[in-house]
Each structure stands twice: as structure tokens, then as C-alpha cells.
Amino acid sequence: MSIEQLNNPAAAIFDLDGTLLDTEPLYTEATQRVLDPFGATYTMALKRKVMGGDSRRSAQLTIEAFDLPMTPEEMLAAREVHLGELFPTAPEIDGAGLYIQHLNERGVPTGIATSSHSHLCELKLGNRDWTPLVKTIVCGDDDALRRGKPEPDIFLLCAERMGVDPSRTLAFEDSRNGVMAAKAAGMTVVAIESPYTNAEDLVEADFVIPNYHQLLTA
């Protein structure tokens, strides 16, 4: 598949954080607020390790990194207080909304497969004019999910609910865990460059692009 063919796939499934919305700085800020009382610093190396994966697993890795006296559930609850304030302000990744509209105009069904829990998804997506164009949204707390990214389950579940063939579906991701999940699902993967990843993180992607404008002009 060429870069020009990315404009007319059979279907497209998007990650949310860092792929459609620039929420990663907000996660960093909220996590750092939780760590501040313990004198710990949320480093870029740790963020690259945990981003894009199951939220409970990410919290557990952070706790282990600093030997924090809390459970993953307690850490996520503390972080969520700050995220609730920050998420509605999240800007879009450049060209994301336009690309979803572009696909919708061509009859290409779109979905979102995100590790975020449903109530947080609502905070992020509630004020986006393109949200109603998305056919299916699968969140990390979906009852049908047994494994999070980097396992392929969430992409396969989203494709199943959309009624599309994974092998003819584009998956958009921005993290190593996400790219691995989408590739394991048998999808063609387009990675969005991010300041929170490096080239090695995205090496398994079929395409790497800086933003969606490259697709809109292809």
C-alpha cells in the first residue's frame, strides 16, 4: 500500500491519546502531580516504557519504578482527579479531525481503540465535532476485553464490532505498545510521530508520518 492509498482504506481504527488528541502532556502533568509528594520525577524514559499500554499495567510499572506505597488502583484514582480537570482542554493532533471527516465523506468507516476507560473517553471526546462520525469506540474497560495493548485484542474487538476485515484496515498509533498491538491484529499500521517516542519505538509500523496533513494532500 502506498501513501496515496491511505486516503481510501476499507476501514480505519485510531488510538486516541497522542494519535487523535494531544493528551500525552496532560498525562505527564497529572502523573507528576501524583508523584510530587514522594519527591519522584516522571522521566521521559519511564513514560516511553508505559505509554500506550493497559492503564493498570502502566500504573504498576510506575509504582515499581519509585517503590511507591500505593496500589495501581490508588494511583489511577489520584491521577484521575487531575485528568478530569485537564482533558477537556486537550488539543487535536494536527489534521486529525479533518482526516476523519475526509474518510467519512468517502464512506470509510472509522473506529477508536483506546486503553483509556470509558468515562475518561467521554471527557476527551465530548466536545469534538467529529466524534459522531466515528462508528465504534472501544475503551480499555470494555467487558469483552481480557488483555490490553500490546496484545491485539482491542483492535480485533473494534474491527469485529465494525464488521470489517482486520487485514484490510488501517490502524493509527503513536506508541510502541500500540504499534505492536495493531500489527499483531494483522492491520496496516500508520504511526504518528511524537516527541514521546523515538524511531525504534515505531520501527514495526508500515508508515510513519508527522501528522494527518500528509495524508490529506497525498
C-alpha atoms as a PDB file:
ATOM      1  CA  MET A   1       0.000   0.000   0.000  1.00  0.00           C
ATOM      2  CA  SER A   2       1.329   3.413  -0.967  1.00  0.00           C
ATOM      3  CA  ILE A   3       0.940   6.660   0.960  1.00  0.00           C
ATOM      4  CA  GLU A   4      -1.655   7.733  -1.629  1.00  0.00           C
ATOM      5  CA  GLN A   5      -3.762   4.625  -0.946  1.00  0.00           C
ATOM      6  CA  LEU A   6      -4.029   5.581   2.724  1.00  0.00           C
ATOM      7  CA  ASN A   7      -6.705   8.046   1.653  1.00  0.00           C
ATOM      8  CA  ASN A   8      -9.151   5.270   0.739  1.00  0.00           C
ATOM      9  CA  PRO A   9      -8.800   2.214   3.023  1.00  0.00           C
ATOM     10  CA  ALA A  10     -11.610  -0.276   3.696  1.00  0.00           C
ATOM     11  CA  ALA A  11     -11.718   0.935   7.319  1.00  0.00           C
ATOM     12  CA  ALA A  12      -9.604   2.887   9.799  1.00  0.00           C
ATOM     13  CA  ILE A  13      -9.159   2.404  13.546  1.00  0.00           C
ATOM     14  CA  PHE A  14      -7.436   5.051  15.648  1.00  0.00           C
ATOM     15  CA  ASP A  15      -5.797   5.082  19.016  1.00  0.00           C
ATOM     16  CA  LEU A  16      -6.901   8.183  20.932  1.00  0.00           C
ATOM     17  CA  ASP A  17      -4.164   9.590  23.171  1.00  0.00           C
ATOM     18  CA  GLY A  18      -1.307  11.010  21.128  1.00  0.00           C
ATOM     19  CA  THR A  19      -2.941   9.833  17.904  1.00  0.00           C
ATOM     20  CA  LEU A  20      -6.117  11.917  17.654  1.00  0.00           C
ATOM     21  CA  LEU A  21      -5.685  14.148  20.700  1.00  0.00           C
ATOM     22  CA  ASP A  22      -2.505  15.598  22.157  1.00  0.00           C
ATOM     23  CA  THR A  23      -3.217  14.323  25.660  1.00  0.00           C
ATOM     24  CA  GLU A  24       0.223  12.908  26.445  1.00  0.00           C
ATOM     25  CA  PRO A  25       1.462  16.174  28.031  1.00  0.00           C
ATOM     26  CA  LEU A  26      -1.666  16.115  30.204  1.00  0.00           C
ATOM     27  CA  TYR A  27      -0.977  12.551  31.363  1.00  0.00           C
ATOM     28  CA  THR A  28       2.573  13.602  32.155  1.00  0.00           C
ATOM     29  CA  GLU A  29       1.404  16.581  34.187  1.00  0.00           C
ATOM     30  CA  ALA A  30      -1.232  14.589  36.075  1.00  0.00           C
ATOM     31  CA  THR A  31       1.180  11.754  36.850  1.00  0.00           C
ATOM     32  CA  GLN A  32       3.834  14.193  38.045  1.00  0.00           C
ATOM     33  CA  ARG A  33       1.301  15.787  40.397  1.00  0.00           C
ATOM     34  CA  VAL A  34       0.738  12.353  41.951  1.00  0.00           C
ATOM     35  CA  LEU A  35       4.496  11.786  42.284  1.00  0.00           C
ATOM     36  CA  ASP A  36       5.344  15.220  43.705  1.00  0.00           C
ATOM     37  CA  PRO A  37       4.623  14.344  47.359  1.00  0.00           C
ATOM     38  CA  PHE A  38       7.110  11.468  47.080  1.00  0.00           C
ATOM     39  CA  GLY A  39       9.883  13.540  45.527  1.00  0.00           C
ATOM     40  CA  ALA A  40       9.838  11.421  42.365  1.00  0.00           C
ATOM     41  CA  THR A  41      10.209  12.624  38.778  1.00  0.00           C
ATOM     42  CA  TYR A  42       8.256  11.094  35.902  1.00  0.00           C
ATOM     43  CA  THR A  43      11.067  10.735  33.376  1.00  0.00           C
ATOM     44  CA  MET A  44      10.760  10.505  29.611  1.00  0.00           C
ATOM     45  CA  ALA A  45      12.340   7.044  29.715  1.00  0.00           C
ATOM     46  CA  LEU A  46       9.629   5.761  32.046  1.00  0.00           C
ATOM     47  CA  LYS A  47       6.873   7.420  30.032  1.00  0.00           C
ATOM     48  CA  ARG A  48       8.089   5.739  26.839  1.00  0.00           C
ATOM     49  CA  LYS A  49       8.029   2.410  28.639  1.00  0.00           C
ATOM     50  CA  VAL A  50       4.453   2.683  29.904  1.00  0.00           C
ATOM     51  CA  MET A  51       2.618   4.809  27.320  1.00  0.00           C
ATOM     52  CA  GLY A  52       0.015   3.204  25.096  1.00  0.00           C
ATOM     53  CA  GLY A  53      -0.469   0.164  27.286  1.00  0.00           C
ATOM     54  CA  ASP A  54      -3.095  -1.029  29.716  1.00  0.00           C
ATOM     55  CA  SER A  55      -3.605   1.670  32.371  1.00  0.00           C
ATOM     56  CA  ARG A  56      -3.330  -0.676  35.351  1.00  0.00           C
ATOM     57  CA  ARG A  57      -0.113  -2.184  33.999  1.00  0.00           C
ATOM     58  CA  SER A  58       1.273   1.304  33.380  1.00  0.00           C
ATOM     59  CA  ALA A  59       0.444   2.323  36.954  1.00  0.00           C
ATOM     60  CA  GLN A  60       2.082  -0.829  38.317  1.00  0.00           C
ATOM     61  CA  LEU A  61       5.286  -0.135  36.380  1.00  0.00           C
ATOM     62  CA  THR A  62       5.354   3.443  37.695  1.00  0.00           C
ATOM     63  CA  ILE A  63       4.832   2.261  41.273  1.00  0.00           C
ATOM     64  CA  GLU A  64       7.634  -0.272  40.926  1.00  0.00           C
ATOM     65  CA  ALA A  65       9.975   2.325  39.419  1.00  0.00           C
ATOM     66  CA  PHE A  66       9.732   4.504  42.540  1.00  0.00           C
ATOM     67  CA  ASP A  67       8.702   1.915  45.155  1.00  0.00           C
ATOM     68  CA  LEU A  68       5.566   3.939  45.894  1.00  0.00           C
ATOM     69  CA  PRO A  69       3.379   2.991  48.885  1.00  0.00           C
ATOM     70  CA  MET A  70       0.151   2.598  46.897  1.00  0.00           C
ATOM     71  CA  THR A  71      -1.746   0.170  44.723  1.00  0.00           C
ATOM     72  CA  PRO A  72      -2.295   0.675  40.987  1.00  0.00           C
ATOM     73  CA  GLU A  73      -5.944   1.438  41.716  1.00  0.00           C
ATOM     74  CA  GLU A  74      -4.997   4.122  44.237  1.00  0.00           C
ATOM     75  CA  MET A  75      -2.532   5.706  41.848  1.00  0.00           C
ATOM     76  CA  LEU A  76      -5.028   5.773  38.988  1.00  0.00           C
ATOM     77  CA  ALA A  77      -7.700   7.288  41.230  1.00  0.00           C
ATOM     78  CA  ALA A  78      -5.324  10.035  42.378  1.00  0.00           C
ATOM     79  CA  ARG A  79      -4.253  10.772  38.825  1.00  0.00           C
ATOM     80  CA  GLU A  80      -7.831  10.813  37.586  1.00  0.00           C
ATOM     81  CA  VAL A  81      -8.673  13.792  39.770  1.00  0.00           C
ATOM     82  CA  HIS A  82      -6.144  15.856  37.833  1.00  0.00           C
ATOM     83  CA  LEU A  83      -7.028  14.370  34.457  1.00  0.00           C
ATOM     84  CA  GLY A  84     -10.650  15.372  34.881  1.00  0.00           C
ATOM     85  CA  GLU A  85      -9.536  18.994  35.007  1.00  0.00           C
ATOM     86  CA  LEU A  86      -7.117  18.712  32.087  1.00  0.00           C
ATOM     87  CA  PHE A  87      -8.756  16.512  29.442  1.00  0.00           C
ATOM     88  CA  PRO A  88     -11.412  18.903  28.112  1.00  0.00           C
ATOM     89  CA  THR A  89      -8.587  21.270  27.116  1.00  0.00           C
ATOM     90  CA  ALA A  90      -6.676  18.695  25.020  1.00  0.00           C
ATOM     91  CA  PRO A  91      -5.860  19.958  21.504  1.00  0.00           C
ATOM     92  CA  GLU A  92      -6.229  17.746  18.436  1.00  0.00           C
ATOM     93  CA  ILE A  93      -3.251  16.234  16.685  1.00  0.00           C
ATOM     94  CA  ASP A  94      -2.713  18.385  13.597  1.00  0.00           C
ATOM     95  CA  GLY A  95      -5.225  17.415  10.899  1.00  0.00           C
ATOM     96  CA  ALA A  96      -6.866  14.573  12.857  1.00  0.00           C
ATOM     97  CA  GLY A  97     -10.425  15.873  12.713  1.00  0.00           C
ATOM     98  CA  LEU A  98     -10.091  16.808   9.049  1.00  0.00           C
ATOM     99  CA  TYR A  99      -8.850  13.325   8.188  1.00  0.00           C
ATOM    100  CA  ILE A 100     -11.782  11.650   9.958  1.00  0.00           C
ATOM    101  CA  GLN A 101     -14.151  13.932   8.056  1.00  0.00           C
ATOM    102  CA  HIS A 102     -12.242  13.106   4.855  1.00  0.00           C
ATOM    103  CA  LEU A 103     -12.740   9.363   5.426  1.00  0.00           C
ATOM    104  CA  ASN A 104     -16.391   9.831   6.356  1.00  0.00           C
ATOM    105  CA  GLU A 105     -17.062  11.694   3.104  1.00  0.00           C
ATOM    106  CA  ARG A 106     -15.651   8.708   1.217  1.00  0.00           C
ATOM    107  CA  GLY A 107     -17.770   6.195   3.105  1.00  0.00           C
ATOM    108  CA  VAL A 108     -14.828   4.725   5.030  1.00  0.00           C
ATOM    109  CA  PRO A 109     -15.962   3.532   8.489  1.00  0.00           C
ATOM    110  CA  THR A 110     -13.811   4.661  11.414  1.00  0.00           C
ATOM    111  CA  GLY A 111     -13.337   3.390  14.952  1.00  0.00           C
ATOM    112  CA  ILE A 112     -11.362   4.221  18.074  1.00  0.00           C
ATOM    113  CA  ALA A 113      -9.494   1.601  20.121  1.00  0.00           C
ATOM    114  CA  THR A 114      -8.094   3.192  23.269  1.00  0.00           C
ATOM    115  CA  SER A 115      -6.672   1.940  26.551  1.00  0.00           C
ATOM    116  CA  SER A 116      -8.452   4.817  28.312  1.00  0.00           C
ATOM    117  CA  HIS A 117     -11.507   3.943  30.373  1.00  0.00           C
ATOM    118  CA  SER A 118     -14.908   4.983  29.088  1.00  0.00           C
ATOM    119  CA  HIS A 119     -15.568   7.871  31.480  1.00  0.00           C
ATOM    120  CA  LEU A 120     -12.239   9.447  30.532  1.00  0.00           C
ATOM    121  CA  CYS A 121     -13.003   8.951  26.836  1.00  0.00           C
ATOM    122  CA  GLU A 122     -16.202  10.919  27.338  1.00  0.00           C
ATOM    123  CA  LEU A 123     -14.229  13.812  28.829  1.00  0.00           C
ATOM    124  CA  LYS A 124     -11.831  13.821  25.877  1.00  0.00           C
ATOM    125  CA  LEU A 125     -14.340  13.357  23.079  1.00  0.00           C
ATOM    126  CA  GLY A 126     -17.420  15.151  24.351  1.00  0.00           C
ATOM    127  CA  ASN A 127     -16.736  18.490  22.671  1.00  0.00           C
ATOM    128  CA  ARG A 128     -15.289  17.240  19.347  1.00  0.00           C
ATOM    129  CA  ASP A 129     -17.424  17.902  16.287  1.00  0.00           C
ATOM    130  CA  TRP A 130     -16.096  14.754  14.593  1.00  0.00           C
ATOM    131  CA  THR A 131     -16.958  12.318  17.399  1.00  0.00           C
ATOM    132  CA  PRO A 132     -20.410  11.490  15.911  1.00  0.00           C
ATOM    133  CA  LEU A 133     -18.658  10.403  12.697  1.00  0.00           C
ATOM    134  CA  VAL A 134     -16.842   7.572  14.499  1.00  0.00           C
ATOM    135  CA  LYS A 135     -18.770   4.321  14.088  1.00  0.00           C
ATOM    136  CA  THR A 136     -17.349   2.327  17.002  1.00  0.00           C
ATOM    137  CA  ILE A 137     -15.406   3.240  20.151  1.00  0.00           C
ATOM    138  CA  VAL A 138     -13.826   0.515  22.285  1.00  0.00           C
ATOM    139  CA  CYS A 139     -12.323   1.617  25.607  1.00  0.00           C
ATOM    140  CA  GLY A 140      -9.900  -0.153  27.897  1.00  0.00           C
ATOM    141  CA  ASP A 141     -12.545  -1.065  30.485  1.00  0.00           C
ATOM    142  CA  ASP A 142     -14.810  -2.825  27.976  1.00  0.00           C
ATOM    143  CA  ASP A 143     -16.217  -6.019  29.497  1.00  0.00           C
ATOM    144  CA  ALA A 144     -15.278  -8.024  26.410  1.00  0.00           C
ATOM    145  CA  LEU A 145     -11.559  -7.231  26.733  1.00  0.00           C
ATOM    146  CA  ARG A 146      -9.273  -9.660  28.506  1.00  0.00           C
ATOM    147  CA  ARG A 147      -5.881  -8.230  27.547  1.00  0.00           C
ATOM    148  CA  GLY A 148      -4.699  -4.712  26.855  1.00  0.00           C
ATOM    149  CA  LYS A 149      -2.116  -3.403  24.405  1.00  0.00           C
ATOM    150  CA  PRO A 150       0.448  -4.602  23.302  1.00  0.00           C
ATOM    151  CA  GLU A 151      -1.866  -7.593  22.791  1.00  0.00           C
ATOM    152  CA  PRO A 152      -4.122  -7.266  19.709  1.00  0.00           C
ATOM    153  CA  ASP A 153      -7.453  -7.821  21.486  1.00  0.00           C
ATOM    154  CA  ILE A 154      -8.763  -4.244  21.453  1.00  0.00           C
ATOM    155  CA  PHE A 155      -8.106  -3.773  17.729  1.00  0.00           C
ATOM    156  CA  LEU A 156      -9.688  -7.115  16.886  1.00  0.00           C
ATOM    157  CA  LEU A 157     -12.733  -6.329  19.023  1.00  0.00           C
ATOM    158  CA  CYS A 158     -13.162  -2.930  17.394  1.00  0.00           C
ATOM    159  CA  ALA A 159     -12.888  -4.445  13.911  1.00  0.00           C
ATOM    160  CA  GLU A 160     -15.393  -7.153  14.825  1.00  0.00           C
ATOM    161  CA  ARG A 161     -17.936  -4.613  16.057  1.00  0.00           C
ATOM    162  CA  MET A 162     -17.404  -2.509  12.950  1.00  0.00           C
ATOM    163  CA  GLY A 163     -17.884  -5.580  10.765  1.00  0.00           C
ATOM    164  CA  VAL A 164     -14.598  -5.076   8.922  1.00  0.00           C
ATOM    165  CA  ASP A 165     -11.685  -7.313   7.972  1.00  0.00           C
ATOM    166  CA  PRO A 166      -8.591  -6.504  10.085  1.00  0.00           C
ATOM    167  CA  SER A 167      -6.301  -7.291   7.151  1.00  0.00           C
ATOM    168  CA  ARG A 168      -7.956  -4.504   5.111  1.00  0.00           C
ATOM    169  CA  THR A 169      -7.974  -1.997   7.968  1.00  0.00           C
ATOM    170  CA  LEU A 170      -5.603   0.878   8.694  1.00  0.00           C
ATOM    171  CA  ALA A 171      -4.597   1.314  12.325  1.00  0.00           C
ATOM    172  CA  PHE A 172      -3.236   4.646  13.550  1.00  0.00           C
ATOM    173  CA  GLU A 173      -0.979   4.645  16.602  1.00  0.00           C
ATOM    174  CA  ASP A 174       1.727   6.676  18.295  1.00  0.00           C
ATOM    175  CA  SER A 175       3.331   4.279  20.791  1.00  0.00           C
ATOM    176  CA  ARG A 176       5.389   1.098  20.720  1.00  0.00           C
ATOM    177  CA  ASN A 177       2.733  -0.852  22.623  1.00  0.00           C
ATOM    178  CA  GLY A 178       0.038   0.360  20.254  1.00  0.00           C
ATOM    179  CA  VAL A 179       2.004  -0.407  17.099  1.00  0.00           C
ATOM    180  CA  MET A 180       2.717  -3.913  18.382  1.00  0.00           C
ATOM    181  CA  ALA A 181      -0.975  -4.462  19.156  1.00  0.00           C
ATOM    182  CA  ALA A 182      -2.165  -3.325  15.737  1.00  0.00           C
ATOM    183  CA  LYS A 183       0.475  -5.345  13.888  1.00  0.00           C
ATOM    184  CA  ALA A 184      -0.463  -8.434  15.900  1.00  0.00           C
ATOM    185  CA  ALA A 185      -4.065  -7.843  14.798  1.00  0.00           C
ATOM    186  CA  GLY A 186      -2.928  -8.083  11.174  1.00  0.00           C
ATOM    187  CA  MET A 187      -3.570  -4.438  10.309  1.00  0.00           C
ATOM    188  CA  THR A 188      -1.571  -1.974   8.228  1.00  0.00           C
ATOM    189  CA  VAL A 189      -0.138   0.429  10.783  1.00  0.00           C
ATOM    190  CA  VAL A 190       0.411   4.153  10.369  1.00  0.00           C
ATOM    191  CA  ALA A 191       2.417   5.680  13.208  1.00  0.00           C
ATOM    192  CA  ILE A 192       2.120   9.344  14.115  1.00  0.00           C
ATOM    193  CA  GLU A 193       5.437  10.854  15.169  1.00  0.00           C
ATOM    194  CA  SER A 194       5.527  12.028  18.757  1.00  0.00           C
ATOM    195  CA  PRO A 195       8.063  13.763  20.989  1.00  0.00           C
ATOM    196  CA  TYR A 196       7.438  10.924  23.440  1.00  0.00           C
ATOM    197  CA  THR A 197       8.687   8.196  21.106  1.00  0.00           C
ATOM    198  CA  ASN A 198      11.797   7.585  19.057  1.00  0.00           C
ATOM    199  CA  ALA A 199      12.356   5.820  15.739  1.00  0.00           C
ATOM    200  CA  GLU A 200      12.971   2.474  17.431  1.00  0.00           C
ATOM    201  CA  ASP A 201       9.560   2.605  19.126  1.00  0.00           C
ATOM    202  CA  LEU A 202       7.800   2.861  15.761  1.00  0.00           C
ATOM    203  CA  VAL A 203      10.040   0.595  13.700  1.00  0.00           C
ATOM    204  CA  GLU A 204       7.327  -2.065  13.201  1.00  0.00           C
ATOM    205  CA  ALA A 205       4.878   0.437  11.675  1.00  0.00           C
ATOM    206  CA  ASP A 206       4.268   0.273   7.928  1.00  0.00           C
ATOM    207  CA  PHE A 207       4.262   4.068   7.611  1.00  0.00           C
ATOM    208  CA  VAL A 208       5.440   6.877   9.885  1.00  0.00           C
ATOM    209  CA  ILE A 209       4.040  10.375   9.311  1.00  0.00           C
ATOM    210  CA  PRO A 210       4.379  13.682  11.196  1.00  0.00           C
ATOM    211  CA  ASN A 211       0.639  14.500  11.084  1.00  0.00           C
ATOM    212  CA  TYR A 212      -2.517  13.907   9.043  1.00  0.00           C
ATOM    213  CA  HIS A 213      -1.958  16.732   6.574  1.00  0.00           C
ATOM    214  CA  GLN A 214       0.444  14.494   4.671  1.00  0.00           C
ATOM    215  CA  LEU A 215      -2.482  12.132   4.007  1.00  0.00           C
ATOM    216  CA  LEU A 216      -4.890  14.899   3.085  1.00  0.00           C
ATOM    217  CA  THR A 217      -2.518  16.210   0.425  1.00  0.00           C
ATOM    218  CA  ALA A 218      -1.319  12.834  -0.904  1.00  0.00           C
END
